[in-house]
Structures are given as structure tokens and as C-alpha cells.
N, C-alpha and C. Protein backbone atom coordinates (compact mmCIF):
# COMPACT_ATOMS: atom_id res chain seq x y z
N UNK A 1 -8.41 -86.24 -15.04
CA UNK A 1 -8.97 -85.10 -15.73
C UNK A 1 -9.45 -84.07 -14.74
N UNK A 2 -9.91 -84.48 -13.57
CA UNK A 2 -10.37 -83.57 -12.55
C UNK A 2 -9.23 -82.70 -12.06
N UNK A 3 -8.05 -83.31 -11.87
CA UNK A 3 -6.90 -82.53 -11.41
C UNK A 3 -6.49 -81.49 -12.45
N UNK A 4 -6.55 -81.80 -13.71
CA UNK A 4 -6.15 -80.89 -14.77
C UNK A 4 -7.05 -79.67 -14.79
N UNK A 5 -8.35 -79.87 -14.71
CA UNK A 5 -9.23 -78.71 -14.73
C UNK A 5 -9.10 -77.88 -13.47
N UNK A 6 -8.83 -78.53 -12.32
CA UNK A 6 -8.61 -77.77 -11.09
C UNK A 6 -7.35 -76.91 -11.20
N UNK A 7 -6.31 -77.47 -11.73
CA UNK A 7 -5.08 -76.69 -11.92
C UNK A 7 -5.32 -75.54 -12.89
N UNK A 8 -6.05 -75.84 -13.93
CA UNK A 8 -6.37 -74.81 -14.92
C UNK A 8 -7.12 -73.65 -14.27
N UNK A 9 -8.15 -73.98 -13.49
CA UNK A 9 -8.92 -72.93 -12.82
C UNK A 9 -8.10 -72.23 -11.75
N UNK A 10 -7.26 -72.97 -11.06
CA UNK A 10 -6.36 -72.35 -10.07
C UNK A 10 -5.43 -71.34 -10.74
N UNK A 11 -4.87 -71.72 -11.88
CA UNK A 11 -3.98 -70.82 -12.61
C UNK A 11 -4.73 -69.60 -13.11
N UNK A 12 -5.95 -69.80 -13.61
CA UNK A 12 -6.75 -68.66 -14.10
C UNK A 12 -7.08 -67.74 -12.93
N UNK A 13 -7.44 -68.32 -11.78
CA UNK A 13 -7.74 -67.50 -10.60
C UNK A 13 -6.53 -66.71 -10.14
N UNK A 14 -5.38 -67.36 -10.14
CA UNK A 14 -4.13 -66.68 -9.75
C UNK A 14 -3.81 -65.56 -10.73
N UNK A 15 -4.00 -65.83 -12.01
CA UNK A 15 -3.77 -64.82 -13.04
C UNK A 15 -4.71 -63.63 -12.88
N UNK A 16 -5.96 -63.90 -12.56
CA UNK A 16 -6.94 -62.83 -12.35
C UNK A 16 -6.56 -61.98 -11.13
N UNK A 17 -6.13 -62.63 -10.06
CA UNK A 17 -5.70 -61.89 -8.87
C UNK A 17 -4.50 -61.00 -9.17
N UNK A 18 -3.55 -61.56 -9.91
CA UNK A 18 -2.37 -60.77 -10.28
C UNK A 18 -2.76 -59.59 -11.16
N UNK A 19 -3.67 -59.80 -12.09
CA UNK A 19 -4.12 -58.72 -12.97
C UNK A 19 -4.85 -57.64 -12.17
N UNK A 20 -5.68 -58.05 -11.21
CA UNK A 20 -6.39 -57.07 -10.38
C UNK A 20 -5.40 -56.26 -9.55
N UNK A 21 -4.40 -56.93 -9.00
CA UNK A 21 -3.38 -56.22 -8.22
C UNK A 21 -2.61 -55.24 -9.08
N UNK A 22 -2.26 -55.66 -10.29
CA UNK A 22 -1.54 -54.77 -11.21
C UNK A 22 -2.41 -53.57 -11.58
N UNK A 23 -3.71 -53.81 -11.81
CA UNK A 23 -4.61 -52.72 -12.16
C UNK A 23 -4.73 -51.72 -11.02
N UNK A 24 -4.76 -52.20 -9.79
CA UNK A 24 -4.82 -51.29 -8.64
C UNK A 24 -3.54 -50.48 -8.53
N UNK A 25 -2.41 -51.11 -8.81
CA UNK A 25 -1.13 -50.39 -8.79
C UNK A 25 -1.09 -49.30 -9.84
N UNK A 26 -1.58 -49.63 -11.03
CA UNK A 26 -1.62 -48.64 -12.12
C UNK A 26 -2.55 -47.50 -11.74
N UNK A 27 -3.69 -47.81 -11.13
CA UNK A 27 -4.64 -46.77 -10.72
C UNK A 27 -4.00 -45.83 -9.71
N UNK A 28 -3.28 -46.40 -8.74
CA UNK A 28 -2.59 -45.55 -7.74
C UNK A 28 -1.57 -44.64 -8.41
N UNK A 29 -0.82 -45.19 -9.36
CA UNK A 29 0.18 -44.39 -10.07
C UNK A 29 -0.47 -43.26 -10.86
N UNK A 30 -1.55 -43.58 -11.56
CA UNK A 30 -2.24 -42.55 -12.35
C UNK A 30 -2.80 -41.47 -11.41
N UNK A 31 -3.41 -41.89 -10.28
CA UNK A 31 -3.92 -40.91 -9.32
C UNK A 31 -2.82 -39.99 -8.82
N UNK A 32 -1.67 -40.55 -8.52
CA UNK A 32 -0.54 -39.76 -8.03
C UNK A 32 -0.06 -38.76 -9.08
N UNK A 33 0.07 -39.23 -10.32
CA UNK A 33 0.53 -38.35 -11.40
C UNK A 33 -0.48 -37.22 -11.63
N UNK A 34 -1.77 -37.55 -11.67
CA UNK A 34 -2.79 -36.53 -11.90
C UNK A 34 -2.80 -35.52 -10.75
N UNK A 35 -2.71 -36.00 -9.52
CA UNK A 35 -2.70 -35.09 -8.36
C UNK A 35 -1.49 -34.16 -8.42
N UNK A 36 -0.32 -34.71 -8.73
CA UNK A 36 0.89 -33.89 -8.81
C UNK A 36 0.78 -32.85 -9.93
N UNK A 37 0.24 -33.24 -11.07
CA UNK A 37 0.06 -32.30 -12.17
C UNK A 37 -0.92 -31.18 -11.79
N UNK A 38 -2.03 -31.55 -11.15
CA UNK A 38 -3.02 -30.55 -10.74
C UNK A 38 -2.40 -29.57 -9.74
N UNK A 39 -1.65 -30.09 -8.78
CA UNK A 39 -0.99 -29.20 -7.81
C UNK A 39 -0.01 -28.27 -8.49
N UNK A 40 0.74 -28.78 -9.47
CA UNK A 40 1.71 -27.95 -10.19
C UNK A 40 0.99 -26.86 -10.98
N UNK A 41 -0.09 -27.21 -11.63
CA UNK A 41 -0.84 -26.23 -12.42
C UNK A 41 -1.41 -25.15 -11.51
N UNK A 42 -1.99 -25.54 -10.37
CA UNK A 42 -2.53 -24.55 -9.45
C UNK A 42 -1.43 -23.65 -8.88
N UNK A 43 -0.28 -24.24 -8.61
CA UNK A 43 0.85 -23.45 -8.10
C UNK A 43 1.32 -22.45 -9.16
N UNK A 44 1.35 -22.88 -10.42
CA UNK A 44 1.77 -22.00 -11.51
C UNK A 44 0.76 -20.88 -11.76
N UNK A 45 -0.52 -21.14 -11.49
CA UNK A 45 -1.55 -20.11 -11.69
C UNK A 45 -1.51 -19.05 -10.60
N UNK A 46 -0.77 -19.30 -9.54
CA UNK A 46 -0.61 -18.35 -8.43
C UNK A 46 -1.97 -18.02 -7.81
N UNK A 47 -2.73 -19.04 -7.49
CA UNK A 47 -4.04 -18.88 -6.87
C UNK A 47 -3.85 -18.71 -5.36
N UNK A 48 -4.60 -17.78 -4.77
CA UNK A 48 -4.47 -17.54 -3.34
C UNK A 48 -5.16 -18.63 -2.55
N UNK A 49 -4.67 -18.84 -1.34
CA UNK A 49 -5.29 -19.82 -0.45
C UNK A 49 -6.48 -19.18 0.24
N UNK A 50 -7.40 -20.00 0.70
CA UNK A 50 -8.63 -19.52 1.33
C UNK A 50 -8.31 -18.65 2.54
N UNK A 51 -7.31 -19.03 3.34
CA UNK A 51 -6.98 -18.26 4.54
C UNK A 51 -6.54 -16.84 4.16
N UNK A 52 -5.72 -16.74 3.11
CA UNK A 52 -5.26 -15.43 2.66
C UNK A 52 -6.43 -14.60 2.13
N UNK A 53 -7.31 -15.24 1.39
CA UNK A 53 -8.48 -14.55 0.85
C UNK A 53 -9.36 -14.02 1.98
N UNK A 54 -9.60 -14.85 2.99
CA UNK A 54 -10.45 -14.44 4.11
C UNK A 54 -9.81 -13.28 4.88
N UNK A 55 -8.49 -13.31 5.03
CA UNK A 55 -7.80 -12.22 5.74
C UNK A 55 -7.95 -10.90 4.98
N UNK A 56 -7.76 -10.93 3.67
CA UNK A 56 -7.89 -9.71 2.86
C UNK A 56 -9.35 -9.24 2.85
N UNK A 57 -10.28 -10.18 2.82
CA UNK A 57 -11.70 -9.84 2.86
C UNK A 57 -12.04 -9.11 4.15
N UNK A 58 -11.50 -9.59 5.29
CA UNK A 58 -11.74 -8.92 6.57
C UNK A 58 -11.11 -7.53 6.59
N UNK A 59 -9.91 -7.40 6.01
CA UNK A 59 -9.26 -6.09 5.95
C UNK A 59 -10.10 -5.12 5.12
N UNK A 60 -10.65 -5.59 4.01
CA UNK A 60 -11.48 -4.73 3.15
C UNK A 60 -12.76 -4.31 3.89
N UNK A 61 -13.36 -5.24 4.64
CA UNK A 61 -14.57 -4.92 5.40
C UNK A 61 -14.26 -3.84 6.44
N UNK A 62 -13.15 -3.99 7.17
CA UNK A 62 -12.78 -2.98 8.17
C UNK A 62 -12.50 -1.63 7.52
N UNK A 63 -11.83 -1.63 6.38
CA UNK A 63 -11.55 -0.37 5.68
C UNK A 63 -12.84 0.28 5.21
N UNK A 64 -13.80 -0.53 4.74
CA UNK A 64 -15.09 0.00 4.30
C UNK A 64 -15.84 0.62 5.48
N UNK A 65 -15.81 -0.06 6.63
CA UNK A 65 -16.49 0.48 7.82
C UNK A 65 -15.85 1.80 8.26
N UNK A 66 -14.52 1.84 8.23
CA UNK A 66 -13.82 3.07 8.61
C UNK A 66 -14.14 4.19 7.62
N UNK A 67 -14.20 3.85 6.34
CA UNK A 67 -14.53 4.82 5.31
C UNK A 67 -15.92 5.40 5.54
N UNK A 68 -16.89 4.54 5.86
CA UNK A 68 -18.26 5.01 6.12
C UNK A 68 -18.29 5.94 7.34
N UNK A 69 -17.53 5.59 8.39
CA UNK A 69 -17.49 6.43 9.58
C UNK A 69 -16.87 7.80 9.25
N UNK A 70 -15.82 7.78 8.44
CA UNK A 70 -15.18 9.04 8.07
C UNK A 70 -16.10 9.88 7.18
N UNK A 71 -16.86 9.24 6.29
CA UNK A 71 -17.81 9.98 5.46
C UNK A 71 -18.86 10.66 6.33
N UNK A 72 -19.34 9.95 7.33
CA UNK A 72 -20.35 10.53 8.23
C UNK A 72 -19.76 11.71 8.99
N UNK A 73 -18.53 11.55 9.44
CA UNK A 73 -17.87 12.63 10.18
C UNK A 73 -17.66 13.85 9.29
N UNK A 74 -17.23 13.62 8.05
CA UNK A 74 -17.04 14.73 7.11
C UNK A 74 -18.36 15.42 6.83
N UNK A 75 -19.41 14.62 6.66
CA UNK A 75 -20.74 15.21 6.43
C UNK A 75 -21.17 16.09 7.58
N UNK A 76 -20.91 15.64 8.81
CA UNK A 76 -21.25 16.43 9.98
C UNK A 76 -20.44 17.72 10.03
N UNK A 77 -19.14 17.62 9.73
CA UNK A 77 -18.29 18.81 9.72
C UNK A 77 -18.73 19.80 8.64
N UNK A 78 -19.07 19.29 7.46
CA UNK A 78 -19.52 20.17 6.39
C UNK A 78 -20.83 20.86 6.77
N UNK A 79 -21.71 20.14 7.43
CA UNK A 79 -22.98 20.74 7.87
C UNK A 79 -22.73 21.82 8.91
N UNK A 80 -21.80 21.56 9.82
CA UNK A 80 -21.47 22.56 10.84
C UNK A 80 -20.84 23.80 10.21
N UNK A 81 -19.95 23.57 9.22
CA UNK A 81 -19.32 24.71 8.56
C UNK A 81 -20.37 25.52 7.79
N UNK A 82 -21.29 24.84 7.16
CA UNK A 82 -22.33 25.54 6.40
C UNK A 82 -23.24 26.34 7.31
N UNK A 83 -23.46 25.87 8.54
CA UNK A 83 -24.35 26.58 9.46
C UNK A 83 -23.60 27.62 10.28
N UNK A 84 -22.29 27.67 10.14
CA UNK A 84 -21.50 28.66 10.85
C UNK A 84 -21.01 28.20 12.21
N UNK A 85 -21.26 26.97 12.60
CA UNK A 85 -20.80 26.46 13.90
C UNK A 85 -19.33 26.08 13.81
N UNK A 86 -18.70 25.96 14.96
CA UNK A 86 -17.29 25.63 15.02
C UNK A 86 -17.08 24.15 14.71
N UNK A 87 -16.14 23.79 13.82
CA UNK A 87 -15.89 22.39 13.49
C UNK A 87 -15.26 21.61 14.63
N UNK A 88 -14.71 22.30 15.66
CA UNK A 88 -14.08 21.59 16.77
C UNK A 88 -15.04 21.41 17.93
N UNK A 89 -16.31 21.44 17.67
CA UNK A 89 -17.33 21.21 18.69
C UNK A 89 -17.15 19.82 19.29
N UNK A 90 -17.47 19.63 20.57
CA UNK A 90 -17.21 18.35 21.24
C UNK A 90 -17.88 17.15 20.60
N UNK A 91 -19.06 17.32 19.97
CA UNK A 91 -19.72 16.15 19.39
C UNK A 91 -19.15 15.76 18.04
N UNK A 92 -18.24 16.55 17.47
CA UNK A 92 -17.62 16.21 16.20
C UNK A 92 -16.39 15.36 16.43
N UNK A 93 -15.75 15.49 17.55
CA UNK A 93 -14.54 14.72 17.84
C UNK A 93 -13.33 15.62 17.93
N UNK A 94 -12.19 15.02 17.92
CA UNK A 94 -10.96 15.80 18.10
C UNK A 94 -10.26 16.05 16.77
N UNK A 95 -11.01 16.35 15.74
CA UNK A 95 -10.45 16.66 14.44
C UNK A 95 -9.86 18.05 14.46
N UNK A 96 -8.60 18.19 14.13
CA UNK A 96 -7.95 19.50 14.09
C UNK A 96 -7.70 19.88 12.65
N UNK A 97 -7.94 21.15 12.33
CA UNK A 97 -7.74 21.64 10.97
C UNK A 97 -6.67 22.71 10.99
N UNK A 98 -5.91 22.76 9.90
CA UNK A 98 -4.89 23.82 9.77
C UNK A 98 -5.62 25.04 9.22
N UNK A 99 -5.48 26.18 9.82
CA UNK A 99 -6.28 27.30 9.41
C UNK A 99 -5.49 28.37 8.92
């Protein structure tokens, strides 16, 4: 009777190990399918990558800085024109105007 119960428990243990292995295999398959679906959805949404976003963000910052500099320069030129001074004065820069 001792041998029978040992075999019984051995078989149950083996069955449990096989079931655990199968469950891990199913989990890996589900993870792979979900990951592939998520990647496909993101690709279809045409979402930009972080590197591309950062590059465009830097370009916008540089354009904003240049815009601010040009606004200041225009303001200085307008002030000079309003006061009657020459717009090609050395402190204004090398801006040439068609006259």
C-alpha cells in the first residue's frame, strides 16, 4: 500500500510540474501576442519617437530664440527711424534696406 500511494503522489507531482510548465508556456505566448499587437497599434497610430520629438523641440527653441533676436533688432531699427537716425548705424548690424 505504501508503494501505491508513493506512485500516486509521484504521478500527481509530475502532473503538477507539467501543468506549471504548460502555464508558463501559455503566459509567454500571451505576452508575445500582446506585445506584438501593442507595437502594431502604436505603429498604425504614427506616433513619433522620443528622439524625433526632442530634435523638433530643439529646432523650435532655436527658431524662437532667433525670432526674439530679430524682434529686438526690428525694434531698435524702428526706434532709430522714428528718431531720424540712420538704420545702417554700426550698432544695428549689417542690415541693408532697399530704398
